[in-house]
Amino acid sequence: MNEEYDVIVLGTGLTECILSGIMSVKGKKVLHMDRNSYYGAESASITPLEELYKRFSLPGSPPESMGKGRDWNVDLIPKFLMANGQLVRMLLITQVTRYLDFKVIEGSFVYKKGSIYKVPSTETEALASSLMGLFEKRRFRKFLVYIANFDENDPKTLEGVDPKKTTMQAVYDKFSLGQDVIDFTGHALALYRTDDYLTQPCLDTINRIKLYSESLARYGKSPYLYPLYGLGELPQGFARLSAIYGGTYMLNKPIEEIVMENGKVVGVKSEGEIARCKQLICDPSYVMDKVTKVGQVIRVICIMSHPIKNTSDANSCQIIIPQNQVNRKHDIYVCMISYAHNVAAQGKYVAIVSTTVETSDPEKEIKPALDLLEPVEQKFVSISDQYGPVDLGAESQVFISRTYDATTHFETTCDDIKDIYKRMTGTDFDFAEMERKKNDIFGDAADQ
């Protein structure tokens, strides 16, 4: 281990694994270490089920009704992939897709006045939806057509809207959309967690709605994808990419010290040895003195023996509870997957509820979501602090990822990856740079 590396990475969360993959592809010499004995850090999938009980300090072992412990791969952080989003682009360009199988999530739903409705995202669905009255439907349809044709470089499509100045609220007003429609458009289509976006220029929101529609258009049922065997497969796929390009991996390595000289990182000490480096990437847990708490997220993993009511018995779905519907500042999310994705025993469903904590009684905050899931066989509750870097790395060359947020997709994670990349290299992230040129001897031997 007493060697010199270009980059040392600490922690095998998804952000860290993608960055070590990118750096390896760029020809950097990378050493990747984790204090845990498994991949994924905060974004791991836990197996067997007994391990999950231990992790949450539940007494005893799982009842026999839970089936074989090995049949379970339970995500600690619930997220789906947008079919047309940034993470799927990264997976395709690096060909990490060849190590993974994906399924389309069967439906996306939104909560209104105590009930859930399918999110209408095409003109046909909008006209058939019971979320809106007849006149509202016509106005919403016009709005969707406007968004689909919107091109910031073609003034004819803008109809007097200035993409960089007109607020989103003004665009909604232009189409006379009511509060309920604004709620599901902003939260279930544009996937904002709060209403701050209403007073911002409309371009970002319009692009988010386009991303949703384009992702939906790829597979039809919903815009979301999910990997078989759980999200823990994603960091492992990128770790494999890094290894093909000469990256070195070490699990179960206690990190004793990050060695600094004159305010700049020069290496990492583990088990008495020092590996030297020019740059360091890590998650907040390795450098608690260089991060600040930015919030808290509550996540409740619920094991059930039935699909969620009013979802047409979907074996996977997402439910968004817009904050206005339950008098909150942040949305509540439910991600549900099941035995169909090789993450649970036959006939079992796993629903994970998450939201940003706002009060001193977080469990009460998520009650509207838990009520949708009854009866629940077993709950696992976690309340996690969220951290962001105080040190952006310009001097120290230590680049710290942000804790995973309460959103149910990976777009914010990809933004963080692009931001760290720019701070490390001084240049904007370019997807083409991730293009893979080396073959994987195992997976590709058959293709020769």
Protein backbone atom coordinates (compact mmCIF):
# COMPACT_ATOMS: atom_id res chain seq x y z
CA MET A 1 0.00 0.00 0.00
CA ASN A 2 3.03 2.30 0.45
CA GLU A 3 2.62 3.73 -3.05
CA GLU A 4 1.86 7.03 -4.72
CA TYR A 5 -1.59 7.47 -6.29
CA ASP A 6 -3.16 10.30 -8.27
CA VAL A 7 -6.44 9.93 -6.41
CA ILE A 8 -7.47 8.10 -3.25
CA VAL A 9 -11.20 7.53 -2.72
CA LEU A 10 -12.68 6.74 0.71
CA GLY A 11 -16.11 5.11 0.93
CA THR A 12 -17.82 3.01 -1.76
CA GLY A 13 -21.09 4.94 -2.01
CA LEU A 14 -22.46 5.50 -5.51
CA THR A 15 -21.00 9.03 -5.83
CA GLU A 16 -17.53 7.80 -4.87
CA CYS A 17 -17.67 4.73 -7.14
CA ILE A 18 -18.75 6.73 -10.19
CA LEU A 19 -15.98 9.28 -9.58
CA SER A 20 -13.34 6.56 -9.14
CA GLY A 21 -14.61 4.97 -12.37
CA ILE A 22 -14.37 8.30 -14.24
CA MET A 23 -10.89 9.06 -12.87
CA SER A 24 -9.64 5.57 -13.78
CA VAL A 25 -11.01 5.87 -17.32
CA LYS A 26 -9.18 9.22 -17.57
CA GLY A 27 -5.93 7.37 -16.87
CA LYS A 28 -5.49 8.35 -13.22
CA LYS A 29 -3.97 5.86 -10.76
CA VAL A 30 -6.75 5.29 -8.20
CA LEU A 31 -6.83 3.61 -4.79
CA HIS A 32 -10.33 3.07 -3.38
CA MET A 33 -10.80 2.08 0.27
CA ASP A 34 -13.78 1.53 2.57
CA ARG A 35 -13.86 0.85 6.31
CA ASN A 36 -16.84 -1.50 5.75
CA SER A 37 -16.65 -5.09 4.54
CA TYR A 38 -19.27 -4.43 1.82
CA TYR A 39 -19.76 -2.04 -1.11
CA GLY A 40 -22.21 0.84 -1.10
CA ALA A 41 -21.56 2.69 2.20
CA GLU A 42 -24.74 4.71 2.85
CA SER A 43 -26.25 3.54 -0.48
CA ALA A 44 -25.76 -0.20 0.16
CA SER A 45 -28.37 -2.96 -0.22
CA ILE A 46 -28.38 -5.12 2.92
CA THR A 47 -28.46 -8.92 2.69
CA PRO A 48 -29.38 -11.31 4.27
CA LEU A 49 -32.47 -10.06 6.13
CA GLU A 50 -30.88 -11.07 9.45
CA GLU A 51 -28.23 -8.39 8.80
CA LEU A 52 -30.95 -5.73 8.46
CA TYR A 53 -32.46 -6.74 11.82
CA LYS A 54 -28.98 -6.47 13.37
CA ARG A 55 -28.29 -3.12 11.75
CA PHE A 56 -31.49 -1.65 13.21
CA SER A 57 -30.88 -3.38 16.59
CA LEU A 58 -34.11 -5.38 16.41
CA PRO A 59 -34.17 -8.23 18.93
CA GLY A 60 -34.34 -11.84 17.72
CA SER A 61 -34.25 -13.01 14.13
CA PRO A 62 -36.81 -12.55 11.31
CA PRO A 63 -39.93 -14.76 11.64
CA GLU A 64 -40.25 -17.75 9.30
CA SER A 65 -43.03 -15.94 7.42
CA MET A 66 -40.28 -13.70 5.96
CA GLY A 67 -38.89 -16.62 3.92
CA LYS A 68 -35.17 -17.17 3.27
CA GLY A 69 -32.90 -14.40 4.58
CA ARG A 70 -30.74 -14.64 1.45
CA ASP A 71 -33.68 -13.72 -0.79
CA TRP A 72 -33.59 -10.17 0.59
CA ASN A 73 -31.54 -7.20 -0.68
CA VAL A 74 -32.93 -4.15 1.10
CA ASP A 75 -31.80 -0.66 0.06
CA LEU A 76 -30.90 1.72 2.85
CA ILE A 77 -31.60 4.67 0.57
CA PRO A 78 -34.63 4.47 -1.71
CA LYS A 79 -34.12 5.87 -5.20
CA PHE A 80 -35.14 5.11 -8.78
CA LEU A 81 -33.35 6.02 -12.03
CA MET A 82 -34.97 8.42 -14.50
CA ALA A 83 -34.98 6.47 -17.80
CA ASN A 84 -33.67 9.49 -19.70
CA GLY A 85 -31.68 10.97 -16.82
CA GLN A 86 -27.99 11.59 -16.20
CA LEU A 87 -27.22 8.36 -14.33
CA VAL A 88 -28.61 6.21 -17.16
CA ARG A 89 -26.42 8.19 -19.59
CA MET A 90 -23.38 7.49 -17.38
CA LEU A 91 -24.28 3.78 -17.23
CA LEU A 92 -24.70 3.55 -21.01
CA ILE A 93 -21.54 5.45 -21.98
CA THR A 94 -19.35 3.47 -19.58
CA GLN A 95 -21.17 0.23 -20.56
CA VAL A 96 -21.68 -0.55 -16.87
CA THR A 97 -25.18 -1.56 -18.03
CA ARG A 98 -23.75 -4.93 -19.04
CA TYR A 99 -23.34 -5.87 -15.37
CA LEU A 100 -26.91 -4.95 -14.43
CA ASP A 101 -30.49 -5.81 -15.33
CA PHE A 102 -33.22 -3.22 -14.97
CA LYS A 103 -37.00 -3.31 -14.69
CA VAL A 104 -39.38 -0.44 -15.33
CA ILE A 105 -41.27 0.76 -12.25
CA GLU A 106 -44.94 0.03 -12.92
CA GLY A 107 -46.53 3.31 -11.97
CA SER A 108 -46.13 6.79 -10.55
CA PHE A 109 -48.88 8.09 -8.25
CA VAL A 110 -49.70 11.34 -6.52
CA TYR A 111 -51.62 11.95 -3.29
CA LYS A 112 -54.61 14.29 -3.20
CA LYS A 113 -56.98 14.74 -0.26
CA GLY A 114 -56.25 11.34 1.29
CA SER A 115 -56.40 9.24 -1.91
CA ILE A 116 -53.80 8.34 -4.53
CA TYR A 117 -54.13 8.86 -8.28
CA LYS A 118 -51.97 7.82 -11.22
CA VAL A 119 -49.84 10.74 -12.38
CA PRO A 120 -51.11 11.77 -15.83
CA SER A 121 -48.15 12.52 -18.03
CA THR A 122 -49.47 12.17 -21.57
CA GLU A 123 -52.36 14.00 -23.19
CA THR A 124 -54.46 10.82 -23.30
CA GLU A 125 -53.87 10.06 -19.63
CA ALA A 126 -54.56 13.66 -18.68
CA LEU A 127 -57.94 13.55 -20.40
CA ALA A 128 -58.88 10.27 -18.67
CA SER A 129 -57.59 11.26 -15.20
CA SER A 130 -59.98 11.71 -12.28
CA LEU A 131 -57.53 14.20 -10.74
CA MET A 132 -59.06 17.10 -12.64
CA GLY A 133 -62.38 18.41 -13.87
CA LEU A 134 -63.17 18.69 -17.58
CA PHE A 135 -62.16 22.32 -18.14
CA GLU A 136 -59.06 21.89 -16.03
CA LYS A 137 -58.09 18.93 -18.26
CA ARG A 138 -58.29 21.05 -21.38
CA ARG A 139 -56.09 23.75 -19.84
CA PHE A 140 -53.59 21.14 -18.61
CA ARG A 141 -53.50 19.52 -22.05
CA LYS A 142 -52.66 22.90 -23.64
CA PHE A 143 -49.94 23.37 -21.02
CA LEU A 144 -48.41 19.93 -21.82
CA VAL A 145 -48.43 20.65 -25.56
CA TYR A 146 -46.74 24.02 -24.89
CA ILE A 147 -44.04 22.33 -22.77
CA ALA A 148 -43.44 19.61 -25.39
CA ASN A 149 -42.90 22.22 -28.13
CA PHE A 150 -40.94 24.66 -25.94
CA ASP A 151 -37.49 25.44 -27.35
CA GLU A 152 -35.59 28.29 -25.68
CA ASN A 153 -33.79 29.03 -28.97
CA ASP A 154 -36.97 29.33 -31.03
CA PRO A 155 -38.93 32.47 -30.06
CA LYS A 156 -42.06 31.20 -31.90
CA THR A 157 -42.46 28.41 -29.32
CA LEU A 158 -42.10 30.73 -26.30
CA GLU A 159 -45.38 32.66 -26.74
CA GLY A 160 -43.97 35.71 -24.98
CA VAL A 161 -42.31 33.80 -22.12
CA ASP A 162 -38.70 34.69 -21.32
CA PRO A 163 -37.11 31.40 -20.17
CA LYS A 164 -34.55 33.19 -18.00
CA LYS A 165 -36.87 35.83 -16.49
CA THR A 166 -40.52 34.70 -16.47
CA THR A 167 -41.32 32.84 -13.23
CA MET A 168 -42.95 29.41 -13.27
CA GLN A 169 -45.91 30.83 -11.36
CA ALA A 170 -46.48 33.24 -14.29
CA VAL A 171 -46.43 30.30 -16.74
CA TYR A 172 -49.04 28.43 -14.66
CA ASP A 173 -51.13 31.64 -14.58
CA LYS A 174 -50.86 31.97 -18.37
CA PHE A 175 -52.70 28.60 -18.63
CA SER A 176 -55.03 29.35 -15.67
CA LEU A 177 -53.98 26.15 -13.88
CA GLY A 178 -55.52 25.53 -10.43
CA GLN A 179 -53.64 24.78 -7.20
CA ASP A 180 -54.09 20.96 -7.33
CA VAL A 181 -52.74 20.80 -10.88
CA ILE A 182 -49.82 23.08 -9.95
CA ASP A 183 -49.13 20.75 -6.99
CA PHE A 184 -48.81 17.60 -9.05
CA THR A 185 -47.02 19.31 -11.94
CA GLY A 186 -44.34 20.82 -9.71
CA HIS A 187 -43.94 17.83 -7.40
CA ALA A 188 -44.86 14.69 -9.39
CA LEU A 189 -43.62 15.77 -12.85
CA ALA A 190 -40.88 18.35 -12.18
CA LEU A 191 -40.03 16.48 -8.94
CA TYR A 192 -39.37 19.51 -6.75
CA ARG A 193 -39.42 18.86 -3.01
CA THR A 194 -40.62 22.35 -2.02
CA ASP A 195 -42.46 25.27 -3.67
CA ASP A 196 -39.44 27.58 -3.88
CA TYR A 197 -39.27 26.98 -7.64
CA LEU A 198 -42.49 28.98 -8.28
CA THR A 199 -40.67 32.32 -7.96
CA GLN A 200 -37.62 31.18 -10.00
CA PRO A 201 -37.20 31.58 -13.79
CA CYS A 202 -39.24 28.86 -15.54
CA LEU A 203 -36.53 27.24 -17.73
CA ASP A 204 -35.35 24.70 -15.14
CA THR A 205 -38.91 23.56 -14.38
CA ILE A 206 -39.77 23.21 -18.07
CA ASN A 207 -36.64 21.12 -18.63
CA ARG A 208 -37.54 18.92 -15.65
CA ILE A 209 -41.04 18.28 -17.04
CA LYS A 210 -39.47 17.46 -20.42
CA LEU A 211 -37.08 14.99 -18.71
CA TYR A 212 -40.07 13.30 -17.05
CA SER A 213 -42.00 13.06 -20.34
CA GLU A 214 -38.99 11.85 -22.34
CA SER A 215 -38.14 9.26 -19.64
CA LEU A 216 -41.75 8.08 -19.69
CA ALA A 217 -41.73 7.86 -23.49
CA ARG A 218 -38.86 5.34 -23.40
CA TYR A 219 -40.73 2.53 -21.66
CA GLY A 220 -44.32 3.63 -21.18
CA LYS A 221 -45.38 2.56 -17.67
CA SER A 222 -43.43 5.16 -15.71
CA PRO A 223 -40.26 7.21 -16.19
CA TYR A 224 -38.37 5.17 -13.58
CA LEU A 225 -36.01 2.16 -13.75
CA TYR A 226 -34.72 -0.05 -10.95
CA PRO A 227 -31.87 -2.60 -10.97
CA LEU A 228 -32.59 -6.24 -10.09
CA TYR A 229 -30.98 -7.23 -6.75
CA GLY A 230 -31.13 -3.65 -5.45
CA LEU A 231 -29.34 -0.33 -5.78
CA GLY A 232 -26.18 -1.79 -4.19
CA GLU A 233 -25.48 -3.23 -7.65
CA LEU A 234 -24.81 0.27 -9.03
CA PRO A 235 -21.68 1.18 -7.01
CA GLN A 236 -20.35 -2.35 -7.63
CA GLY A 237 -20.78 -1.90 -11.40
CA PHE A 238 -18.74 1.32 -11.40
CA ALA A 239 -16.16 -0.26 -9.06
CA ARG A 240 -15.70 -2.99 -11.64
CA LEU A 241 -15.22 -0.34 -14.34
CA SER A 242 -12.51 1.32 -12.23
CA ALA A 243 -10.79 -2.04 -11.67
CA ILE A 244 -10.66 -2.73 -15.43
CA TYR A 245 -8.74 0.53 -15.80
CA GLY A 246 -6.26 -0.43 -13.07
CA GLY A 247 -8.05 0.96 -10.01
CA THR A 248 -7.15 -0.81 -6.72
CA TYR A 249 -9.93 -1.70 -4.24
CA MET A 250 -9.59 -2.46 -0.53
CA LEU A 251 -12.59 -3.16 1.69
CA ASN A 252 -12.42 -3.56 5.49
CA LYS A 253 -9.67 -0.92 5.75
CA PRO A 254 -9.83 1.22 8.90
CA ILE A 255 -8.82 4.80 8.04
CA GLU A 256 -6.58 6.11 10.81
CA GLU A 257 -5.67 9.51 9.45
CA ILE A 258 -5.91 11.76 6.42
CA VAL A 259 -2.36 13.12 6.23
CA MET A 260 -2.10 16.85 5.49
CA GLU A 261 0.99 19.00 4.86
CA ASN A 262 0.70 22.80 4.71
CA GLY A 263 -3.08 22.53 4.45
CA LYS A 264 -2.96 20.12 1.50
CA VAL A 265 -3.72 16.40 1.46
CA VAL A 266 -0.67 14.19 0.84
CA GLY A 267 -1.94 10.74 1.82
CA VAL A 268 -4.07 8.39 3.90
CA LYS A 269 -2.87 6.27 6.82
CA SER A 270 -4.39 2.82 7.33
CA GLU A 271 -3.11 0.01 9.55
CA GLY A 272 0.21 1.81 10.06
CA GLU A 273 0.94 2.31 6.33
CA ILE A 274 0.60 5.54 4.36
CA ALA A 275 -0.64 5.62 0.77
CA ARG A 276 0.29 8.95 -0.80
CA CYS A 277 -1.97 10.93 -3.13
CA LYS A 278 -2.43 14.23 -4.94
CA GLN A 279 -6.21 14.39 -4.50
CA LEU A 280 -8.74 12.75 -2.17
CA ILE A 281 -12.46 12.03 -2.68
CA CYS A 282 -14.57 10.89 0.28
CA ASP A 283 -18.01 10.85 1.83
CA PRO A 284 -18.69 13.10 4.86
CA SER A 285 -18.24 10.28 7.41
CA TYR A 286 -14.46 10.29 6.83
CA VAL A 287 -13.97 14.04 7.43
CA MET A 288 -16.54 15.20 9.98
CA ASP A 289 -14.41 18.29 10.72
CA LYS A 290 -14.79 19.52 7.11
CA VAL A 291 -18.58 19.24 6.74
CA THR A 292 -21.66 20.96 8.12
CA LYS A 293 -25.08 19.53 8.92
CA VAL A 294 -27.62 20.72 6.34
CA GLY A 295 -30.70 18.81 7.52
CA GLN A 296 -32.13 15.45 8.48
CA VAL A 297 -33.96 12.77 6.52
CA ILE A 298 -36.27 10.13 7.98
CA ARG A 299 -36.57 6.85 6.09
CA VAL A 300 -38.85 4.01 7.11
CA ILE A 301 -38.42 0.61 5.45
CA CYS A 302 -41.74 -1.27 5.57
CA ILE A 303 -42.09 -4.98 4.77
CA MET A 304 -45.56 -6.02 3.57
CA SER A 305 -47.28 -9.08 2.12
CA HIS A 306 -49.50 -7.08 -0.25
CA PRO A 307 -49.24 -4.40 -2.93
CA ILE A 308 -50.34 -0.84 -2.05
CA LYS A 309 -54.09 -0.22 -2.36
CA ASN A 310 -55.35 1.67 -5.44
CA THR A 311 -52.19 1.02 -7.48
CA SER A 312 -53.81 -1.71 -9.63
CA ASP A 313 -51.74 -4.28 -7.68
CA ALA A 314 -48.47 -2.90 -9.10
CA ASN A 315 -45.38 -4.86 -8.00
CA SER A 316 -43.48 -1.55 -7.95
CA CYS A 317 -44.48 2.10 -7.80
CA GLN A 318 -43.69 5.55 -6.56
CA ILE A 319 -46.09 7.74 -4.59
CA ILE A 320 -45.47 11.45 -4.08
CA ILE A 321 -47.36 13.31 -1.35
CA PRO A 322 -47.01 17.01 -2.25
CA GLN A 323 -46.25 19.14 0.80
CA ASN A 324 -49.34 21.36 0.35
CA GLN A 325 -51.61 18.32 0.67
CA VAL A 326 -50.38 17.60 4.22
CA ASN A 327 -49.45 21.13 5.39
CA ARG A 328 -45.71 20.64 5.18
CA LYS A 329 -42.74 22.40 3.58
CA HIS A 330 -41.30 19.21 1.97
CA ASP A 331 -42.87 16.37 0.02
CA ILE A 332 -43.15 12.84 1.39
CA TYR A 333 -42.08 9.99 -0.92
CA VAL A 334 -42.91 6.30 -1.06
CA CYS A 335 -40.78 3.94 -3.20
CA MET A 336 -42.15 0.41 -3.45
CA ILE A 337 -40.45 -2.63 -4.98
CA SER A 338 -40.96 -6.35 -4.39
CA TYR A 339 -39.96 -9.97 -4.97
CA ALA A 340 -40.25 -9.21 -8.74
CA HIS A 341 -36.93 -7.29 -8.43
CA ASN A 342 -35.08 -10.02 -6.47
CA VAL A 343 -34.99 -7.83 -3.36
CA ALA A 344 -37.53 -9.73 -1.21
CA ALA A 345 -38.82 -13.26 -0.58
CA GLN A 346 -41.65 -14.56 -2.80
CA GLY A 347 -44.89 -12.62 -2.27
CA LYS A 348 -43.23 -9.85 -0.20
CA TYR A 349 -43.13 -6.11 -0.88
CA VAL A 350 -40.74 -3.46 0.41
CA ALA A 351 -42.00 0.14 0.63
CA ILE A 352 -39.63 2.86 1.81
CA VAL A 353 -41.09 6.14 3.03
CA SER A 354 -38.80 9.19 3.16
CA THR A 355 -38.93 12.90 3.75
CA THR A 356 -36.90 15.84 5.04
CA VAL A 357 -37.41 16.18 8.81
CA GLU A 358 -39.22 19.38 9.86
CA THR A 359 -40.23 18.80 13.50
CA SER A 360 -39.02 17.04 16.66
CA ASP A 361 -41.43 14.15 15.96
CA PRO A 362 -40.36 12.83 12.52
CA GLU A 363 -42.40 9.62 12.74
CA LYS A 364 -45.60 11.62 13.08
CA GLU A 365 -44.63 13.60 9.97
CA ILE A 366 -44.74 10.51 7.75
CA LYS A 367 -48.04 9.15 9.11
CA PRO A 368 -50.01 10.06 5.92
CA ALA A 369 -47.66 7.79 3.94
CA LEU A 370 -47.67 4.93 6.46
CA ASP A 371 -51.50 5.00 6.46
CA LEU A 372 -51.39 4.14 2.73
CA LEU A 373 -49.32 1.01 3.42
CA GLU A 374 -51.30 -0.73 6.17
CA PRO A 375 -50.97 -3.47 7.27
CA VAL A 376 -47.16 -3.42 7.68
CA GLU A 377 -45.40 -6.56 8.98
CA GLN A 378 -42.14 -4.95 10.05
CA LYS A 379 -40.80 -1.40 10.12
CA PHE A 380 -37.17 -0.24 10.21
CA VAL A 381 -36.87 3.46 11.09
CA SER A 382 -33.74 5.55 10.46
CA ILE A 383 -33.20 9.26 10.97
CA SER A 384 -30.00 10.40 9.24
CA ASP A 385 -28.18 13.69 9.41
CA GLN A 386 -27.38 15.20 6.03
CA TYR A 387 -24.03 16.85 5.48
CA GLY A 388 -22.51 19.15 2.90
CA PRO A 389 -18.83 20.16 2.55
CA VAL A 390 -17.51 23.33 4.20
CA ASP A 391 -14.18 22.83 2.45
CA LEU A 392 -14.64 22.83 -1.35
CA GLY A 393 -11.14 21.44 -1.90
CA ALA A 394 -9.44 24.32 -3.75
CA GLU A 395 -6.56 24.45 -1.23
CA SER A 396 -6.76 21.09 0.54
CA GLN A 397 -7.51 18.99 -2.59
CA VAL A 398 -10.00 17.05 -0.42
CA PHE A 399 -13.30 16.67 -2.30
CA ILE A 400 -16.27 15.68 -0.18
CA SER A 401 -19.55 14.33 -1.51
CA ARG A 402 -22.94 15.40 -0.17
CA THR A 403 -25.13 13.03 1.85
CA TYR A 404 -27.94 11.47 -0.23
CA ASP A 405 -31.09 13.60 -0.03
CA ALA A 406 -34.75 12.64 0.30
CA THR A 407 -35.47 12.79 -3.46
CA THR A 408 -36.44 9.48 -5.07
CA HIS A 409 -34.16 9.77 -8.08
CA PHE A 410 -30.44 10.23 -8.77
CA GLU A 411 -30.43 13.59 -10.57
CA THR A 412 -29.15 15.51 -7.49
CA THR A 413 -26.45 12.83 -6.96
CA CYS A 414 -25.31 13.28 -10.58
CA ASP A 415 -25.20 17.06 -10.12
CA ASP A 416 -22.91 16.51 -7.11
CA ILE A 417 -20.66 14.21 -9.18
CA LYS A 418 -20.38 16.84 -11.94
CA ASP A 419 -19.67 19.55 -9.36
CA ILE A 420 -16.86 17.54 -7.69
CA TYR A 421 -15.42 16.66 -11.12
CA LYS A 422 -15.26 20.35 -12.06
CA ARG A 423 -13.60 21.30 -8.76
CA MET A 424 -11.04 18.49 -9.18
CA THR A 425 -10.13 19.05 -12.83
CA GLY A 426 -11.03 22.69 -13.45
CA THR A 427 -13.09 21.68 -16.50
CA ASP A 428 -16.79 20.99 -17.00
CA PHE A 429 -17.87 17.37 -16.86
CA ASP A 430 -18.18 15.90 -20.34
CA PHE A 431 -20.13 12.66 -20.76
CA ALA A 432 -17.97 11.75 -23.77
CA GLU A 433 -14.88 11.56 -21.51
CA MET A 434 -16.42 8.54 -19.80
CA GLU A 435 -16.48 6.61 -23.07
CA ARG A 436 -15.06 3.21 -22.38
CA LYS A 437 -12.17 1.96 -24.50
CA LYS A 438 -11.05 -1.15 -22.62
CA ASN A 439 -12.83 -4.48 -22.61
CA ASP A 440 -13.68 -6.49 -19.56
CA ILE A 441 -12.04 -9.86 -20.00
CA PHE A 442 -14.84 -11.75 -18.22
CA GLY A 443 -17.91 -10.11 -19.70
CA ASP A 444 -16.50 -9.53 -23.16
CA ALA A 445 -14.43 -12.65 -23.79
CA ALA A 446 -17.51 -14.13 -25.45
CA ASP A 447 -17.85 -11.09 -27.74
CA GLN A 448 -14.41 -11.42 -29.29
